[in-house]
Amino acid sequence: ETPARFVPRFNFSAGDLLRRVDFNIKGDDLIVFLHIQKTGGTTFGRHLVRNIQLEQPCECRAGQKKCTCHRPGKRETWLFSRFSTGWSCGLHADWTELTNCVPSVVDSKKEVRLRPSRWPLLPVAVPMSLPRQSSSSQGRGVGGRGFSSCPTPLRLLSPGGRNFYYITILRDPVSRYLSEWRHVQRGATWKASLHVCDGRSPTTEELPSCYTGDDWSGCSLQEFMDCPYNLANNRQVRMLSDLSLVGCYNLSVMPEEQRNKVLLDSAKENLKRMAFFGLTEFQRKTQYLFEKTFNMNFISPFTQYNSTRASSVEIDEQTQQRIEALNFLDMELYDYAKDLFLQRYQYMRQKEHQEARRKRQEQRKILRAKQAHLREQGENGS
């Protein structure tokens, strides 16, 4: 799973690379899992509810998809995900939906009066060294739009001060696209997804369907690629960006080239400022970085599955290039994400080695002091 030789391409600050979250599972902190289709999110989501060492483990019953993940001594959840709270903000809710929906859903589950809809969620870039309730800036959550320059992990604060730590999993765009095609071919539609943006779902004119009838089962890869409205195209960028910056699903708001740039920049910034993200192609490294970020340990090691439905699809070079062209934004985002991910891994391992070296030096220093003290006692006694 490790590249033969990783050469960084992007310049990231130490704050971008260091990920250590003071996650208070006994307080009000919440991990929010943004689950993008066909990225390996189901496997990772199961790890979160079934494979973490906790004082109070999640309760998972046979035959039930959802588990109960309560804080120790409380009837409140510390995890917002498909396998804990269900699709509470809609099927495969994206960044735009989750950041506007999670606070009110969490409050309603605590049986607290829902906040008025005119109170938006305020993304806040907060230095980890500051008091838990303080914030250094407020803004929309996209680079240059209201964030402070502090390069620390993003936690989103509701007006009530609750901390939301967003996490996600990404996947190689071509593999993800082929996996989605195979899933749709078998009858999946995700038509229950709401795609809410700026308070409403898109109209059928803004988001036409690729098929007539109940589903698109049996569609060929060519048909899948030929639909211009296919949400599989650049899905990862769209689901990680703030769609309100481009007029949601209304393509007439700005020129296509400008729209693409805003979406990609937004997705990169949101991904970089998330508390954690992993890559399906690097399971062990994903496990390591999550454990170091949240100071939580998994019980069993992650497994790297190289044989998937996508890997079983043989495509020629022309089709490969077509898929890459259809997902050109996702391709650029994944290159950026992979670089950041591997730099974070190297940085965290380096920090770990430095800490271990420092501890060994301290132990040797203490041992030498003890030996010197014993020699001195011996000399005095003689």
Protein backbone atom coordinates (compact mmCIF):
# COMPACT_ATOMS: atom_id res chain seq x y z
CA GLU A 1 0.00 0.00 0.00
CA THR A 2 3.04 2.32 0.30
CA PRO A 3 4.21 4.11 -2.87
CA ALA A 4 7.72 3.08 -3.94
CA ARG A 5 8.94 6.61 -3.37
CA PHE A 6 6.67 9.44 -2.35
CA VAL A 7 7.75 12.88 -3.50
CA PRO A 8 5.53 15.70 -2.13
CA ARG A 9 4.10 18.05 -4.74
CA PHE A 10 2.19 20.55 -2.58
CA ASN A 11 3.46 22.85 0.15
CA PHE A 12 1.54 22.41 3.41
CA SER A 13 2.25 24.07 6.73
CA ALA A 14 2.97 22.12 9.92
CA GLY A 15 -0.53 23.08 11.08
CA ASP A 16 -2.03 21.50 7.94
CA LEU A 17 -0.15 18.28 8.61
CA LEU A 18 -0.50 17.92 12.38
CA ARG A 19 -3.84 16.39 13.33
CA ARG A 20 -4.51 15.92 17.04
CA VAL A 21 -8.05 16.60 18.16
CA ASP A 22 -9.03 17.06 21.79
CA PHE A 23 -12.18 14.99 21.29
CA ASN A 24 -14.34 15.02 24.41
CA ILE A 25 -16.58 11.96 24.08
CA LYS A 26 -18.07 12.62 27.54
CA GLY A 27 -18.99 16.21 26.65
CA ASP A 28 -20.81 17.60 23.60
CA ASP A 29 -18.26 16.82 20.86
CA LEU A 30 -19.56 14.96 17.81
CA ILE A 31 -17.80 13.15 14.97
CA VAL A 32 -19.74 13.66 11.72
CA PHE A 33 -19.01 11.16 8.94
CA LEU A 34 -19.59 12.51 5.44
CA HIS A 35 -20.18 9.31 3.48
CA ILE A 36 -19.57 9.62 -0.27
CA GLN A 37 -20.97 6.78 -2.38
CA LYS A 38 -18.62 3.94 -3.40
CA THR A 39 -15.54 5.20 -1.56
CA GLY A 40 -15.35 2.35 0.95
CA GLY A 41 -17.37 4.40 3.41
CA THR A 42 -19.55 1.47 4.45
CA THR A 43 -16.50 -0.51 5.56
CA PHE A 44 -15.06 2.47 7.42
CA GLY A 45 -18.46 3.26 8.94
CA ARG A 46 -18.65 -0.27 10.36
CA HIS A 47 -15.19 0.16 11.86
CA LEU A 48 -16.46 3.25 13.70
CA VAL A 49 -19.33 1.42 15.39
CA ARG A 50 -17.91 -2.08 15.82
CA ASN A 51 -14.12 -1.84 15.98
CA ILE A 52 -13.13 0.98 18.36
CA GLN A 53 -11.92 0.45 21.92
CA LEU A 54 -14.27 2.55 24.05
CA GLU A 55 -15.20 2.85 27.70
CA GLN A 56 -18.78 2.33 26.52
CA PRO A 57 -18.74 0.47 23.16
CA CYS A 58 -21.51 0.93 20.62
CA GLU A 59 -24.35 -1.56 21.02
CA CYS A 60 -24.93 -3.41 17.75
CA ARG A 61 -27.72 -5.98 17.52
CA ALA A 62 -27.91 -8.75 14.96
CA GLY A 63 -30.19 -7.91 12.06
CA GLN A 64 -30.16 -4.17 12.72
CA LYS A 65 -28.12 -1.78 10.58
CA LYS A 66 -27.94 0.98 13.19
CA CYS A 67 -25.96 0.71 16.42
CA THR A 68 -26.42 2.73 19.60
CA CYS A 69 -23.27 4.79 20.25
CA HIS A 70 -23.90 6.63 23.51
CA ARG A 71 -21.47 8.73 25.50
CA PRO A 72 -20.39 7.12 28.79
CA GLY A 73 -23.19 7.62 31.29
CA LYS A 74 -25.43 9.54 28.85
CA ARG A 75 -28.16 8.77 26.35
CA GLU A 76 -26.57 10.95 23.68
CA THR A 77 -24.58 9.90 20.63
CA TRP A 78 -20.95 10.91 19.98
CA LEU A 79 -21.12 9.76 16.34
CA PHE A 80 -23.27 11.07 13.48
CA SER A 81 -23.17 8.45 10.74
CA ARG A 82 -25.24 6.00 8.72
CA PHE A 83 -24.65 3.19 11.23
CA SER A 84 -25.37 5.25 14.34
CA THR A 85 -27.96 7.93 13.58
CA GLY A 86 -29.02 6.69 10.14
CA TRP A 87 -29.49 9.06 7.21
CA SER A 88 -30.81 11.79 9.52
CA CYS A 89 -29.92 14.59 7.07
CA GLY A 90 -30.94 12.66 3.96
CA LEU A 91 -29.47 9.76 2.02
CA HIS A 92 -25.72 10.33 1.50
CA ALA A 93 -25.97 13.97 2.59
CA ASP A 94 -23.10 16.12 1.33
CA TRP A 95 -21.06 18.88 3.00
CA THR A 96 -23.63 21.55 2.09
CA GLU A 97 -26.48 19.52 3.60
CA LEU A 98 -24.68 18.24 6.69
CA THR A 99 -23.29 21.58 7.84
CA ASN A 100 -26.76 23.10 7.68
CA CYS A 101 -28.67 20.11 9.07
CA VAL A 102 -26.60 18.40 11.77
CA PRO A 103 -27.00 21.03 14.54
CA SER A 104 -30.81 21.02 14.48
CA VAL A 105 -31.00 17.23 14.19
CA VAL A 106 -28.66 16.76 17.15
CA ASP A 107 -30.64 19.27 19.21
CA SER A 108 -33.95 17.61 18.32
CA LYS A 109 -32.56 14.26 19.48
CA LYS A 110 -31.73 15.94 22.81
CA GLU A 111 -35.35 17.18 22.90
CA VAL A 112 -34.20 20.78 22.85
CA ARG A 113 -36.13 23.50 21.03
CA LEU A 114 -35.01 23.66 17.42
CA ARG A 115 -33.12 26.79 16.50
CA PRO A 116 -34.83 29.22 14.14
CA SER A 117 -33.88 28.52 10.53
CA ARG A 118 -32.44 32.03 10.23
CA TRP A 119 -29.59 30.96 12.54
CA PRO A 120 -27.00 29.42 10.22
CA LEU A 121 -24.24 27.08 11.27
CA LEU A 122 -21.03 29.04 11.51
CA PRO A 123 -17.89 27.21 10.39
CA VAL A 124 -15.09 28.32 12.69
CA ALA A 125 -11.38 27.67 12.39
CA VAL A 126 -10.30 27.19 15.98
CA PRO A 127 -6.73 26.76 17.24
CA MET A 128 -6.58 23.62 19.38
CA SER A 129 -4.71 25.52 22.10
CA LEU A 130 -7.58 27.93 22.67
CA PRO A 131 -10.36 27.30 25.20
CA ARG A 132 -12.92 24.84 23.83
CA GLN A 133 -15.70 27.42 23.46
CA SER A 134 -13.64 30.20 21.86
CA SER A 135 -13.39 30.95 18.18
CA SER A 136 -10.88 32.90 16.19
CA SER A 137 -13.05 33.74 13.19
CA GLN A 138 -16.36 33.08 11.54
CA GLY A 139 -17.14 32.57 7.88
CA ARG A 140 -18.52 30.32 5.20
CA GLY A 141 -15.74 27.74 5.35
CA VAL A 142 -14.06 28.28 2.00
CA GLY A 143 -10.54 29.57 1.50
CA GLY A 144 -10.37 33.35 1.68
CA ARG A 145 -13.98 33.62 2.81
CA GLY A 146 -13.84 34.46 6.46
CA PHE A 147 -11.38 31.93 7.84
CA SER A 148 -8.44 32.99 9.96
CA SER A 149 -5.02 32.01 8.72
CA CYS A 150 -4.66 29.55 11.59
CA PRO A 151 -3.92 26.21 9.86
CA THR A 152 -5.46 24.01 12.55
CA PRO A 153 -8.10 21.26 12.27
CA LEU A 154 -11.55 22.55 11.51
CA ARG A 155 -14.28 21.98 13.98
CA LEU A 156 -17.66 23.42 13.14
CA LEU A 157 -19.42 25.16 15.99
CA SER A 158 -23.16 25.58 16.34
CA PRO A 159 -24.36 28.86 17.85
CA GLY A 160 -24.66 26.92 21.12
CA GLY A 161 -20.96 26.07 21.04
CA ARG A 162 -21.12 22.33 20.32
CA ASN A 163 -18.07 20.97 18.43
CA PHE A 164 -18.60 19.01 15.22
CA TYR A 165 -15.56 17.18 13.84
CA TYR A 166 -16.09 16.28 10.18
CA ILE A 167 -14.43 13.22 8.64
CA THR A 168 -14.67 11.47 5.26
CA ILE A 169 -13.12 8.82 3.00
CA LEU A 170 -11.99 9.37 -0.61
CA ARG A 171 -11.20 6.91 -3.38
CA ASP A 172 -9.39 6.85 -6.70
CA PRO A 173 -11.91 8.53 -9.06
CA VAL A 174 -11.81 5.95 -11.87
CA SER A 175 -12.30 3.02 -9.48
CA ARG A 176 -15.05 4.89 -7.64
CA TYR A 177 -16.84 5.77 -10.91
CA LEU A 178 -16.75 2.17 -12.17
CA SER A 179 -17.99 0.94 -8.80
CA GLU A 180 -20.90 3.37 -8.94
CA TRP A 181 -21.76 2.26 -12.48
CA ARG A 182 -21.83 -1.38 -11.39
CA HIS A 183 -23.99 -0.45 -8.39
CA VAL A 184 -26.45 1.50 -10.56
CA GLN A 185 -26.45 -1.33 -13.09
CA ARG A 186 -27.67 -3.63 -10.31
CA GLY A 187 -30.60 -1.28 -9.57
CA ALA A 188 -29.31 1.35 -7.12
CA THR A 189 -30.65 4.87 -7.64
CA TRP A 190 -30.13 6.97 -4.48
CA LYS A 191 -33.21 8.86 -5.69
CA ALA A 192 -34.18 9.35 -2.04
CA SER A 193 -31.25 11.80 -1.73
CA LEU A 194 -32.53 15.31 -1.06
CA HIS A 195 -29.67 17.44 -2.47
CA VAL A 196 -30.87 20.33 -0.31
CA CYS A 197 -29.01 23.59 -0.90
CA ASP A 198 -30.00 27.07 0.26
CA GLY A 199 -33.13 25.63 1.85
CA ARG A 200 -34.55 23.63 -1.07
CA SER A 201 -34.03 20.61 -3.30
CA PRO A 202 -33.20 21.20 -6.99
CA THR A 203 -35.98 21.30 -9.57
CA THR A 204 -36.18 18.64 -12.29
CA GLU A 205 -34.96 21.32 -14.73
CA GLU A 206 -31.88 21.94 -12.57
CA LEU A 207 -31.21 18.25 -12.01
CA PRO A 208 -32.75 16.08 -14.76
CA SER A 209 -32.81 12.31 -14.45
CA CYS A 210 -30.59 10.05 -16.56
CA TYR A 211 -33.30 7.41 -16.90
CA THR A 212 -37.05 6.88 -17.11
CA GLY A 213 -38.81 4.36 -14.95
CA ASP A 214 -37.93 3.15 -11.48
CA ASP A 215 -34.19 2.70 -11.94
CA TRP A 216 -31.33 2.47 -14.43
CA SER A 217 -30.62 -1.22 -13.98
CA GLY A 218 -28.85 -2.93 -16.86
CA CYS A 219 -27.35 0.30 -18.22
CA SER A 220 -24.14 -0.08 -20.18
CA LEU A 221 -20.98 1.80 -19.23
CA GLN A 222 -21.35 3.80 -22.45
CA GLU A 223 -24.89 4.87 -21.47
CA PHE A 224 -23.65 5.72 -17.98
CA MET A 225 -20.88 7.93 -19.38
CA ASP A 226 -23.12 9.57 -21.99
CA CYS A 227 -25.62 11.10 -19.54
CA PRO A 228 -24.59 14.77 -19.03
CA TYR A 229 -26.58 15.01 -15.75
CA ASN A 230 -24.96 11.96 -14.16
CA LEU A 231 -24.19 12.80 -10.52
CA ALA A 232 -21.41 10.19 -10.61
CA ASN A 233 -19.32 12.72 -12.54
CA ASN A 234 -17.01 14.59 -10.13
CA ARG A 235 -19.11 13.33 -7.22
CA GLN A 236 -16.35 13.74 -4.63
CA VAL A 237 -15.74 17.41 -5.43
CA ARG A 238 -19.45 18.21 -5.48
CA MET A 239 -20.13 16.46 -2.17
CA LEU A 240 -17.19 18.14 -0.39
CA SER A 241 -17.75 21.69 -1.65
CA ASP A 242 -20.07 24.45 -0.48
CA LEU A 243 -22.63 24.39 -3.30
CA SER A 244 -24.23 27.65 -2.18
CA LEU A 245 -21.12 29.44 -3.50
CA VAL A 246 -22.09 28.53 -7.07
CA GLY A 247 -25.86 28.90 -6.88
CA CYS A 248 -26.44 25.26 -5.90
CA TYR A 249 -27.66 23.23 -8.90
CA ASN A 250 -28.55 26.28 -11.03
CA LEU A 251 -25.90 26.13 -13.76
CA SER A 252 -26.86 29.53 -15.17
CA VAL A 253 -25.54 31.47 -12.17
CA MET A 254 -21.95 31.61 -13.48
CA PRO A 255 -19.84 30.36 -16.40
CA GLU A 256 -18.92 26.67 -16.27
CA GLU A 257 -15.18 27.30 -15.98
CA GLN A 258 -15.66 29.66 -13.04
CA ARG A 259 -18.10 27.27 -11.38
CA ASN A 260 -15.63 24.39 -11.67
CA LYS A 261 -12.83 26.43 -10.14
CA VAL A 262 -14.96 27.58 -7.20
CA LEU A 263 -16.16 24.03 -6.54
CA LEU A 264 -12.67 22.54 -6.67
CA ASP A 265 -11.15 25.25 -4.46
CA SER A 266 -13.99 24.86 -1.97
CA ALA A 267 -13.65 21.06 -1.88
CA LYS A 268 -9.89 21.27 -1.34
CA GLU A 269 -10.24 23.79 1.46
CA ASN A 270 -13.02 21.91 3.22
CA LEU A 271 -11.09 18.64 2.94
CA LYS A 272 -7.88 20.19 4.27
CA ARG A 273 -9.68 21.72 7.24
CA MET A 274 -11.60 18.58 8.18
CA ALA A 275 -10.41 16.93 11.36
CA PHE A 276 -9.61 13.76 9.39
CA PHE A 277 -9.93 12.09 6.01
CA GLY A 278 -8.74 8.71 4.81
CA LEU A 279 -8.09 7.06 1.46
CA THR A 280 -9.55 3.68 0.51
CA GLU A 281 -6.29 2.75 -1.23
CA PHE A 282 -4.35 3.14 2.06
CA GLN A 283 -6.28 1.24 4.74
CA ARG A 284 -3.51 0.84 7.35
CA LYS A 285 -2.41 4.45 7.00
CA THR A 286 -6.05 5.55 7.28
CA GLN A 287 -6.34 3.56 10.51
CA TYR A 288 -3.09 5.02 11.86
CA LEU A 289 -4.03 8.64 11.12
CA PHE A 290 -7.52 8.29 12.63
CA GLU A 291 -6.07 6.76 15.80
CA LYS A 292 -3.48 9.52 16.14
CA THR A 293 -5.99 12.28 15.34
CA PHE A 294 -8.70 11.29 17.82
CA ASN A 295 -6.61 9.32 20.33
CA MET A 296 -8.87 6.31 19.78
CA ASN A 297 -7.62 2.82 18.98
CA PHE A 298 -9.21 0.19 16.77
CA ILE A 299 -9.46 -3.37 18.05
CA SER A 300 -8.61 -5.18 14.79
CA PRO A 301 -6.35 -3.84 12.01
CA PHE A 302 -7.89 -2.59 8.78
CA THR A 303 -7.66 -4.87 5.74
CA GLN A 304 -6.57 -3.75 2.28
CA TYR A 305 -8.98 -5.24 -0.28
CA ASN A 306 -7.43 -5.15 -3.74
CA SER A 307 -10.18 -7.25 -5.32
CA THR A 308 -13.33 -5.12 -5.73
CA ARG A 309 -16.20 -4.92 -8.19
CA ALA A 310 -14.44 -1.99 -9.86
CA SER A 311 -11.15 -3.89 -10.19
CA SER A 312 -12.99 -6.74 -11.94
CA VAL A 313 -14.07 -4.37 -14.74
CA GLU A 314 -11.63 -4.41 -17.65
CA ILE A 315 -11.62 -1.21 -19.69
CA ASP A 316 -9.45 -0.09 -22.60
CA GLU A 317 -7.25 2.99 -22.49
CA GLN A 318 -9.75 5.11 -24.42
CA THR A 319 -12.49 4.37 -21.87
CA GLN A 320 -10.06 5.07 -19.02
CA GLN A 321 -9.28 8.47 -20.53
CA ARG A 322 -12.98 9.20 -21.02
CA ILE A 323 -13.74 8.45 -17.36
CA GLU A 324 -10.81 10.61 -16.26
CA ALA A 325 -12.09 13.46 -18.46
CA LEU A 326 -15.61 13.15 -17.04
CA ASN A 327 -14.12 13.27 -13.54
CA PHE A 328 -11.36 15.81 -14.15
CA LEU A 329 -12.21 17.76 -10.99
CA ASP A 330 -12.20 14.59 -8.88
CA MET A 331 -8.86 13.61 -10.45
CA GLU A 332 -7.32 16.91 -9.35
CA LEU A 333 -8.89 16.71 -5.90
CA TYR A 334 -7.62 13.14 -5.41
CA ASP A 335 -4.06 14.10 -6.40
CA TYR A 336 -4.22 16.90 -3.84
CA ALA A 337 -5.79 14.65 -1.18
CA LYS A 338 -3.29 11.83 -1.73
CA ASP A 339 -0.37 14.24 -1.41
CA LEU A 340 -1.77 15.77 1.78
CA PHE A 341 -2.64 12.34 3.21
CA LEU A 342 0.83 10.89 2.65
CA GLN A 343 2.53 14.04 3.94
CA ARG A 344 0.38 13.84 7.09
CA TYR A 345 1.32 10.20 7.53
CA GLN A 346 5.04 10.96 7.18
CA TYR A 347 4.77 13.95 9.51
CA MET A 348 2.89 12.03 12.20
CA ARG A 349 5.34 9.10 12.02
CA GLN A 350 8.23 11.55 12.28
CA LYS A 351 6.61 13.16 15.34
CA GLU A 352 6.10 9.72 16.86
CA HIS A 353 9.77 8.80 16.35
CA GLN A 354 10.90 12.14 17.79
CA GLU A 355 8.71 11.62 20.85
CA ALA A 356 10.05 8.09 21.35
CA ARG A 357 13.64 9.38 21.01
CA ARG A 358 12.97 12.13 23.53
CA LYS A 359 11.56 9.63 26.01
CA ARG A 360 14.58 7.35 25.60
CA GLN A 361 16.92 10.29 26.16
CA GLU A 362 15.00 11.28 29.30
CA GLN A 363 15.13 7.71 30.61
CA ARG A 364 18.89 7.52 29.97
CA LYS A 365 19.34 10.87 31.71
CA ILE A 366 17.40 9.64 34.77
CA LEU A 367 19.36 6.37 34.78
CA ARG A 368 22.71 8.21 34.64
CA ALA A 369 21.63 10.48 37.47
CA LYS A 370 20.68 7.46 39.60
CA GLN A 371 23.98 5.75 38.86
CA ALA A 372 25.91 8.90 39.71
CA HIS A 373 23.96 9.20 42.97
CA LEU A 374 24.71 5.57 43.91
CA ARG A 375 28.43 6.04 43.16
CA GLU A 376 28.46 9.17 45.30
CA GLN A 377 26.77 7.30 48.15
CA GLY A 378 29.30 4.47 47.83
CA GLU A 379 32.25 6.86 47.89
CA ASN A 380 30.86 8.66 50.96
CA GLY A 381 30.32 5.34 52.73
CA SER A 382 33.85 4.20 52.09
